[in-house]
Amino acid sequence: MTKKTNILLFGATGYIGGSVLNRLLNHPKADTFSITVSVRSPEKAKLLEKLGVKAEIASLSDHDKIEELASRAHVIFNVANSDDLPAIIALLKGVRKAYETTGELPILIHTSGTGEIAEPAKGDFAAETVYSDLNIEQIKAIPETAFHRKIDLAVIGADEQGYARSYIILPGIVDGIASGPVFEAGIAKPVSIQIPAFIREALDRKRAGMIGLGKAVWPIIHIDDTADIYTVLFDAISANPQSVGHGWEGYYFGESGHVSYYEIGKAIGQALVDLGLAEDAEPTRFTDEELVKYWGSVLAGNYGGTTCRCRADRARAIGWKPKYGTKDLLAVIKSEVEYELKRAQEKGGIDFSYEKSLATLLQSGKAT
């Protein structure tokens, strides 16, 4: 009997994590995988088990459980949180145990984000520096104080210390409505963070908004293309781990184009006009009072006016071929407006609690 690959996935109930799980469940070699996920909800655990996944009840704060689960895995996909250092430390303890027990190098594919290279701009300009994930010196020069950086350095450290092969995927603005069995079962949320937040605020103020002049630019990537990076990377590692960059050579940006926040705001505004919810598609600047209302603080609100540029050169070099670009992102925004409108109607209002929860992270030097 062929030995199965023990895959551990954190973040199965999330937007990206649910999409990665769908890919693994539909993988050509899925019958050779033994997939375990960590979830907090017993109800969702039962739904996951119906899909053929072993679900363990544990949160990221259950450090002993995280360590124990990681100690039994051959491959770990961490798609849960890019800013929880204690959870990563627990995970890495388990990875070290796995190596010391088996003598085989576990594979750790960690999720970060391009917020790591973001510059404060308050929406008034676009970044001039373009980062390439093939430029190692450029990657090494990112300051330790950058968002996500301490966690990424810990992941790279495991590789440098020789008890894991580590890889870090850094998506830009991920967008599009996710689909597949994990979402159809109600296990994972089908929408992202950044653009849906701007949509909810536009629905509340009845006009699209933007930070500053809306000139800040970010890399974008569709949710399907994002999930594809994980599987392309996983397949390349499985086929020949020596041929795939890891550690400092294991940074993989997720980018298939760039977009300004003005363009996003204009697309949201046009959708509002088309749906009879606004008279003018032109986005207007958020006031400081609105930033506090929607994000909990001016600082947190201004994160939507940061800017960065990058190229996913390393992912493309191993065979990743994105299917969607900037025009596709802007075209799908209307369907997302309709989705958020329906959800607000069902809930009897618009909820900004998640956006406000980010204020604490930003004030402590973190972001998601």
Protein backbone atom coordinates (compact mmCIF):
# COMPACT_ATOMS: atom_id res chain seq x y z
CA MET A 1 0.00 0.00 0.00
CA THR A 2 1.37 3.43 -0.98
CA LYS A 3 2.19 5.68 1.95
CA LYS A 4 -0.11 8.69 2.03
CA THR A 5 1.13 12.28 2.26
CA ASN A 6 -0.06 13.84 5.50
CA ILE A 7 -1.22 17.37 4.65
CA LEU A 8 -2.14 19.84 7.38
CA LEU A 9 -4.03 22.99 6.46
CA PHE A 10 -4.72 25.97 8.71
CA GLY A 11 -7.38 28.39 7.48
CA ALA A 12 -9.83 26.05 5.76
CA THR A 13 -12.79 28.25 6.72
CA GLY A 14 -11.23 31.33 5.12
CA TYR A 15 -11.35 32.78 1.63
CA ILE A 16 -7.91 31.67 0.43
CA GLY A 17 -7.68 28.61 2.68
CA GLY A 18 -11.03 27.29 1.48
CA SER A 19 -9.91 27.75 -2.12
CA VAL A 20 -6.65 25.89 -1.47
CA LEU A 21 -8.61 23.05 0.19
CA ASN A 22 -10.85 22.81 -2.88
CA ARG A 23 -7.76 22.43 -5.05
CA LEU A 24 -6.37 19.68 -2.84
CA LEU A 25 -9.68 17.80 -2.80
CA ASN A 26 -9.81 17.92 -6.60
CA HIS A 27 -6.11 17.26 -7.14
CA PRO A 28 -5.24 14.43 -9.58
CA LYS A 29 -3.38 12.71 -6.72
CA ALA A 30 -6.00 13.45 -4.05
CA ASP A 31 -6.35 9.74 -3.23
CA THR A 32 -2.72 9.77 -2.03
CA PHE A 33 -3.38 12.62 0.44
CA SER A 34 -4.51 12.44 4.03
CA ILE A 35 -5.78 15.95 4.70
CA THR A 36 -6.23 17.36 8.20
CA VAL A 37 -7.59 20.81 8.93
CA SER A 38 -7.87 22.79 12.15
CA VAL A 39 -11.21 24.49 12.84
CA ARG A 40 -12.88 26.09 15.84
CA SER A 41 -16.46 25.09 14.99
CA PRO A 42 -17.70 21.52 15.63
CA GLU A 43 -20.49 22.17 13.10
CA LYS A 44 -18.01 23.05 10.36
CA ALA A 45 -15.83 20.11 11.39
CA LYS A 46 -18.74 17.78 10.58
CA LEU A 47 -19.24 19.45 7.19
CA LEU A 48 -15.55 19.09 6.39
CA GLU A 49 -15.55 15.43 7.33
CA LYS A 50 -18.36 14.87 4.80
CA LEU A 51 -15.89 16.11 2.16
CA GLY A 52 -13.35 13.49 3.23
CA VAL A 53 -11.25 15.77 5.40
CA LYS A 54 -10.16 15.03 8.96
CA ALA A 55 -11.10 18.02 11.12
CA GLU A 56 -9.44 18.76 14.45
CA ILE A 57 -11.05 21.22 16.85
CA ALA A 58 -8.42 23.82 17.69
CA SER A 59 -7.87 27.56 17.42
CA LEU A 60 -4.59 29.33 16.75
CA SER A 61 -4.34 30.03 20.48
CA ASP A 62 -4.28 26.28 21.25
CA HIS A 63 -0.50 26.19 20.92
CA ASP A 64 0.03 22.67 22.27
CA LYS A 65 -2.52 21.32 19.78
CA ILE A 66 -0.97 23.24 16.88
CA GLU A 67 2.45 21.88 17.78
CA GLU A 68 1.11 18.33 18.01
CA LEU A 69 -0.69 18.54 14.65
CA ALA A 70 2.39 19.99 12.93
CA SER A 71 4.60 17.23 14.34
CA ARG A 72 2.64 14.65 12.31
CA ALA A 73 2.53 16.48 8.97
CA HIS A 74 4.61 16.06 5.84
CA VAL A 75 3.23 19.22 4.24
CA ILE A 76 1.73 22.23 6.01
CA PHE A 77 -0.30 24.97 4.34
CA ASN A 78 -0.64 27.90 6.74
CA VAL A 79 -3.38 30.10 5.33
CA ALA A 80 -4.84 31.21 8.65
CA ASN A 81 -3.08 34.30 9.97
CA SER A 82 -0.02 36.18 8.82
CA ASP A 83 0.50 38.08 12.07
CA ASP A 84 0.16 35.56 14.91
CA LEU A 85 3.75 35.04 16.06
CA PRO A 86 2.96 32.74 19.05
CA ALA A 87 0.95 30.44 16.75
CA ILE A 88 3.83 30.32 14.23
CA ILE A 89 6.31 29.53 16.99
CA ALA A 90 4.10 26.64 18.13
CA LEU A 91 3.76 25.41 14.55
CA LEU A 92 7.52 25.55 14.02
CA LYS A 93 8.11 23.59 17.23
CA GLY A 94 5.95 20.86 15.74
CA VAL A 95 7.78 21.04 12.42
CA ARG A 96 11.10 20.62 14.23
CA LYS A 97 9.72 17.57 16.08
CA ALA A 98 8.58 16.06 12.78
CA TYR A 99 12.07 16.45 11.34
CA GLU A 100 13.81 15.09 14.42
CA THR A 101 11.45 12.10 14.51
CA THR A 102 11.52 11.14 10.83
CA GLY A 103 14.72 12.68 9.46
CA GLU A 104 12.63 14.00 6.55
CA LEU A 105 12.31 17.72 5.87
CA PRO A 106 8.70 18.88 6.31
CA ILE A 107 7.35 21.32 3.73
CA LEU A 108 5.87 24.55 5.08
CA ILE A 109 3.95 26.82 2.70
CA HIS A 110 3.11 29.97 4.63
CA THR A 111 0.81 32.83 3.63
CA SER A 112 1.96 36.42 4.08
CA GLY A 113 0.93 39.44 2.01
CA THR A 114 2.24 42.31 -0.06
CA GLY A 115 1.41 44.59 2.86
CA GLU A 116 4.99 43.68 3.77
CA ILE A 117 6.24 46.05 1.06
CA ALA A 118 3.49 48.69 1.35
CA GLU A 119 4.40 52.36 1.70
CA PRO A 120 2.23 54.91 3.55
CA ALA A 121 0.78 57.21 0.89
CA LYS A 122 -2.67 58.23 2.16
CA GLY A 123 -3.86 57.63 -1.37
CA ASP A 124 -1.91 60.53 -2.83
CA PHE A 125 0.74 58.72 -4.91
CA ALA A 126 1.72 55.35 -6.38
CA ALA A 127 4.84 53.45 -5.31
CA GLU A 128 7.82 53.82 -7.63
CA THR A 129 9.78 50.79 -6.40
CA VAL A 130 8.80 47.51 -8.03
CA TYR A 131 9.76 44.43 -6.03
CA SER A 132 10.66 41.18 -7.75
CA ASP A 133 10.58 37.93 -5.79
CA LEU A 134 13.68 36.88 -7.72
CA ASN A 135 15.65 39.80 -6.29
CA ILE A 136 16.91 38.25 -3.04
CA GLU A 137 18.88 41.30 -1.87
CA GLN A 138 15.79 43.45 -2.34
CA ILE A 139 13.73 40.96 -0.32
CA LYS A 140 16.34 40.78 2.44
CA ALA A 141 16.36 44.58 2.73
CA ILE A 142 12.70 44.75 3.80
CA PRO A 143 12.79 46.13 7.37
CA GLU A 144 11.88 43.90 10.31
CA THR A 145 9.24 46.46 11.30
CA ALA A 146 7.24 45.86 8.09
CA PHE A 147 3.84 44.18 8.33
CA HIS A 148 4.06 40.38 8.49
CA ARG A 149 7.86 40.54 8.53
CA LYS A 150 8.62 39.04 11.96
CA ILE A 151 6.48 36.01 11.18
CA ASP A 152 8.09 35.61 7.74
CA LEU A 153 11.56 35.79 9.27
CA ALA A 154 10.61 33.02 11.71
CA VAL A 155 9.44 30.86 8.80
CA ILE A 156 12.66 31.51 6.87
CA GLY A 157 14.63 30.80 10.04
CA ALA A 158 13.27 27.25 10.13
CA ASP A 159 14.66 26.75 6.64
CA GLU A 160 18.00 28.29 7.50
CA GLN A 161 18.29 26.10 10.59
CA GLY A 162 17.75 23.05 8.40
CA TYR A 163 14.62 21.48 9.86
CA ALA A 164 12.13 22.53 7.18
CA ARG A 165 11.79 23.63 3.58
CA SER A 166 9.86 26.87 3.82
CA TYR A 167 8.00 28.82 1.17
CA ILE A 168 6.11 32.10 1.56
CA ILE A 169 3.29 33.23 -0.72
CA LEU A 170 2.50 36.96 -0.63
CA PRO A 171 -0.73 37.76 -2.50
CA GLY A 172 -1.69 41.31 -3.42
CA ILE A 173 -5.35 42.37 -3.30
CA VAL A 174 -7.18 39.07 -3.75
CA ASP A 175 -10.56 39.43 -5.36
CA GLY A 176 -13.43 37.59 -6.99
CA ILE A 177 -16.21 35.46 -5.50
CA ALA A 178 -14.85 32.03 -4.59
CA SER A 179 -16.71 28.87 -5.54
CA GLY A 180 -16.42 25.13 -5.05
CA PRO A 181 -17.57 22.46 -2.55
CA VAL A 182 -16.05 24.11 0.53
CA PHE A 183 -17.97 27.33 -0.18
CA GLU A 184 -21.15 25.64 -1.35
CA ALA A 185 -21.27 23.75 1.96
CA GLY A 186 -21.09 27.04 3.88
CA ILE A 187 -17.74 26.15 5.42
CA ALA A 188 -15.70 29.09 4.16
CA LYS A 189 -16.46 32.70 3.33
CA PRO A 190 -16.50 33.37 -0.45
CA VAL A 191 -15.30 37.00 -0.43
CA SER A 192 -12.09 38.82 0.36
CA ILE A 193 -11.31 41.74 2.69
CA GLN A 194 -10.13 44.92 0.98
CA ILE A 195 -12.57 45.57 -1.87
CA PRO A 196 -15.66 44.21 -0.04
CA ALA A 197 -14.86 46.67 2.78
CA PHE A 198 -14.92 49.58 0.32
CA ILE A 199 -18.17 48.20 -1.10
CA ARG A 200 -19.85 48.05 2.32
CA GLU A 201 -18.79 51.60 3.06
CA ALA A 202 -20.10 52.77 -0.32
CA LEU A 203 -23.45 51.11 0.38
CA ASP A 204 -23.64 52.90 3.72
CA ARG A 205 -22.68 56.37 2.42
CA LYS A 206 -24.54 55.81 -0.88
CA ARG A 207 -21.49 56.80 -2.87
CA ALA A 208 -18.15 55.15 -3.57
CA GLY A 209 -15.23 56.35 -1.51
CA MET A 210 -11.44 56.43 -1.65
CA ILE A 211 -8.54 57.39 0.57
CA GLY A 212 -7.01 60.72 -0.46
CA LEU A 213 -6.76 61.16 -4.21
CA GLY A 214 -7.14 57.44 -4.91
CA LYS A 215 -3.74 57.35 -6.63
CA ALA A 216 -2.32 54.55 -4.47
CA VAL A 217 -1.65 51.41 -6.51
CA TRP A 218 -1.58 47.78 -5.38
CA PRO A 219 -0.97 44.43 -7.11
CA ILE A 220 -4.08 42.36 -7.70
CA ILE A 221 -4.75 38.66 -8.08
CA HIS A 222 -7.97 36.70 -8.62
CA ILE A 223 -8.88 34.09 -6.01
CA ASP A 224 -8.62 31.27 -8.58
CA ASP A 225 -5.15 32.42 -9.65
CA THR A 226 -4.19 32.67 -5.98
CA ALA A 227 -5.19 29.08 -5.28
CA ASP A 228 -3.31 28.04 -8.41
CA ILE A 229 -0.04 29.44 -7.02
CA TYR A 230 -0.33 27.10 -4.05
CA THR A 231 -0.98 24.03 -6.19
CA VAL A 232 1.63 24.90 -8.82
CA LEU A 233 4.18 25.37 -6.05
CA PHE A 234 3.10 22.20 -4.24
CA ASP A 235 3.28 20.16 -7.46
CA ALA A 236 6.72 21.54 -8.31
CA ILE A 237 8.01 20.70 -4.82
CA SER A 238 6.51 17.21 -5.00
CA ALA A 239 8.06 16.55 -8.39
CA ASN A 240 11.56 17.81 -7.56
CA PRO A 241 12.10 19.75 -4.33
CA GLN A 242 15.70 20.58 -5.30
CA SER A 243 14.50 22.57 -8.30
CA VAL A 244 12.22 24.93 -6.35
CA GLY A 245 13.46 27.95 -4.44
CA HIS A 246 12.91 27.87 -0.67
CA GLY A 247 13.99 29.91 2.34
CA TRP A 248 15.20 33.31 1.10
CA GLU A 249 14.65 32.01 -2.43
CA GLY A 250 11.16 30.91 -1.45
CA TYR A 251 9.33 34.25 -1.63
CA TYR A 252 6.45 34.04 -4.13
CA PHE A 253 4.49 37.22 -4.81
CA GLY A 254 0.92 36.83 -6.03
CA GLU A 255 0.38 39.42 -8.76
CA SER A 256 -1.35 39.48 -12.14
CA GLY A 257 -1.55 43.23 -12.64
CA HIS A 258 -1.96 46.46 -10.67
CA VAL A 259 -4.89 48.74 -9.92
CA SER A 260 -5.41 52.13 -8.31
CA TYR A 261 -7.94 52.70 -5.57
CA TYR A 262 -9.54 55.35 -7.76
CA GLU A 263 -10.25 52.68 -10.38
CA ILE A 264 -11.72 50.43 -7.69
CA GLY A 265 -13.84 53.27 -6.35
CA LYS A 266 -15.07 54.20 -9.84
CA ALA A 267 -16.08 50.58 -10.54
CA ILE A 268 -17.96 50.41 -7.22
CA GLY A 269 -19.58 53.76 -7.97
CA GLN A 270 -20.72 52.63 -11.42
CA ALA A 271 -22.21 49.49 -9.92
CA LEU A 272 -24.15 51.61 -7.42
CA VAL A 273 -25.47 53.78 -10.26
CA ASP A 274 -26.42 50.72 -12.33
CA LEU A 275 -28.32 49.29 -9.36
CA GLY A 276 -30.13 52.57 -8.70
CA LEU A 277 -28.34 53.08 -5.38
CA ALA A 278 -26.45 56.26 -6.29
CA GLU A 279 -26.65 59.09 -8.79
CA ASP A 280 -22.94 59.64 -9.39
CA ALA A 281 -20.26 57.00 -10.06
CA GLU A 282 -17.37 59.30 -9.16
CA PRO A 283 -15.77 58.28 -5.82
CA THR A 284 -15.25 60.96 -3.19
CA ARG A 285 -12.64 61.18 -0.43
CA PHE A 286 -13.43 59.65 2.93
CA THR A 287 -13.41 62.21 5.70
CA ASP A 288 -11.52 61.52 8.92
CA GLU A 289 -14.90 61.04 10.60
CA GLU A 290 -15.78 58.36 8.08
CA LEU A 291 -12.42 56.62 8.55
CA VAL A 292 -13.18 56.38 12.26
CA LYS A 293 -16.75 55.24 11.60
CA TYR A 294 -15.80 52.47 9.21
CA TRP A 295 -12.31 51.37 10.35
CA GLY A 296 -12.23 52.46 13.97
CA SER A 297 -9.41 54.99 13.54
CA VAL A 298 -7.86 57.32 10.98
CA LEU A 299 -4.68 55.20 11.04
CA ALA A 300 -6.54 52.00 10.21
CA GLY A 301 -8.55 53.73 7.49
CA ASN A 302 -5.45 55.15 5.87
CA TYR A 303 -4.10 51.62 5.39
CA GLY A 304 -6.44 51.59 2.38
CA GLY A 305 -4.33 54.39 0.97
CA THR A 306 -0.98 52.58 1.16
CA THR A 307 0.77 51.62 -2.06
CA CYS A 308 3.08 48.90 -3.40
CA ARG A 309 4.15 47.28 -6.64
CA CYS A 310 5.63 43.84 -7.27
CA ARG A 311 6.15 41.15 -9.90
CA ALA A 312 5.39 37.47 -9.41
CA ASP A 313 8.48 36.44 -11.38
CA ARG A 314 9.30 33.37 -9.28
CA ALA A 315 5.81 31.88 -9.50
CA ARG A 316 5.76 32.38 -13.25
CA ALA A 317 9.18 30.74 -13.49
CA ILE A 318 7.83 27.49 -12.03
CA GLY A 319 4.84 27.41 -14.38
CA TRP A 320 2.15 29.60 -12.83
CA LYS A 321 0.02 31.23 -15.51
CA PRO A 322 -2.61 33.65 -14.19
CA LYS A 323 -5.89 33.73 -16.09
CA TYR A 324 -7.24 37.04 -14.81
CA GLY A 325 -5.95 40.61 -14.92
CA THR A 326 -6.93 44.11 -13.81
CA LYS A 327 -9.84 44.43 -16.26
CA ASP A 328 -11.29 41.18 -14.96
CA LEU A 329 -11.06 42.43 -11.37
CA LEU A 330 -12.89 45.65 -12.19
CA ALA A 331 -15.53 43.77 -14.19
CA VAL A 332 -16.46 41.48 -11.28
CA ILE A 333 -16.97 44.30 -8.79
CA LYS A 334 -20.64 44.73 -9.69
CA SER A 335 -21.39 41.13 -8.71
CA GLU A 336 -19.60 41.76 -5.41
CA VAL A 337 -21.70 44.87 -4.81
CA GLU A 338 -24.81 42.75 -5.40
CA TYR A 339 -23.48 40.11 -2.99
CA GLU A 340 -22.77 42.64 -0.21
CA LEU A 341 -26.14 44.35 -0.77
CA LYS A 342 -27.97 41.04 -0.42
CA ARG A 343 -26.03 40.16 2.71
CA ALA A 344 -26.80 43.55 4.27
CA GLN A 345 -30.49 43.13 3.50
CA GLU A 346 -30.52 39.65 5.05
CA LYS A 347 -28.75 40.88 8.19
CA GLY A 348 -30.77 44.05 8.48
CA GLY A 349 -27.76 46.34 8.18
CA ILE A 350 -24.09 46.69 7.34
CA ASP A 351 -21.54 45.38 9.82
CA PHE A 352 -18.16 47.13 10.10
CA SER A 353 -16.91 45.19 13.13
CA TYR A 354 -14.25 43.33 11.15
CA GLU A 355 -12.80 46.49 9.68
CA LYS A 356 -12.72 48.07 13.13
CA SER A 357 -10.93 45.01 14.55
CA LEU A 358 -8.02 45.79 12.23
CA ALA A 359 -7.43 49.12 13.99
CA THR A 360 -5.88 47.31 16.96
CA LEU A 361 -3.58 45.32 14.69
CA LEU A 362 -2.43 48.39 12.82
CA GLN A 363 -1.80 50.37 15.98
CA SER A 364 0.38 47.52 17.28
CA GLY A 365 2.39 47.45 14.05
CA LYS A 366 0.55 44.54 12.43
CA ALA A 367 -1.83 44.06 9.54
CA THR A 368 -3.65 41.27 7.76
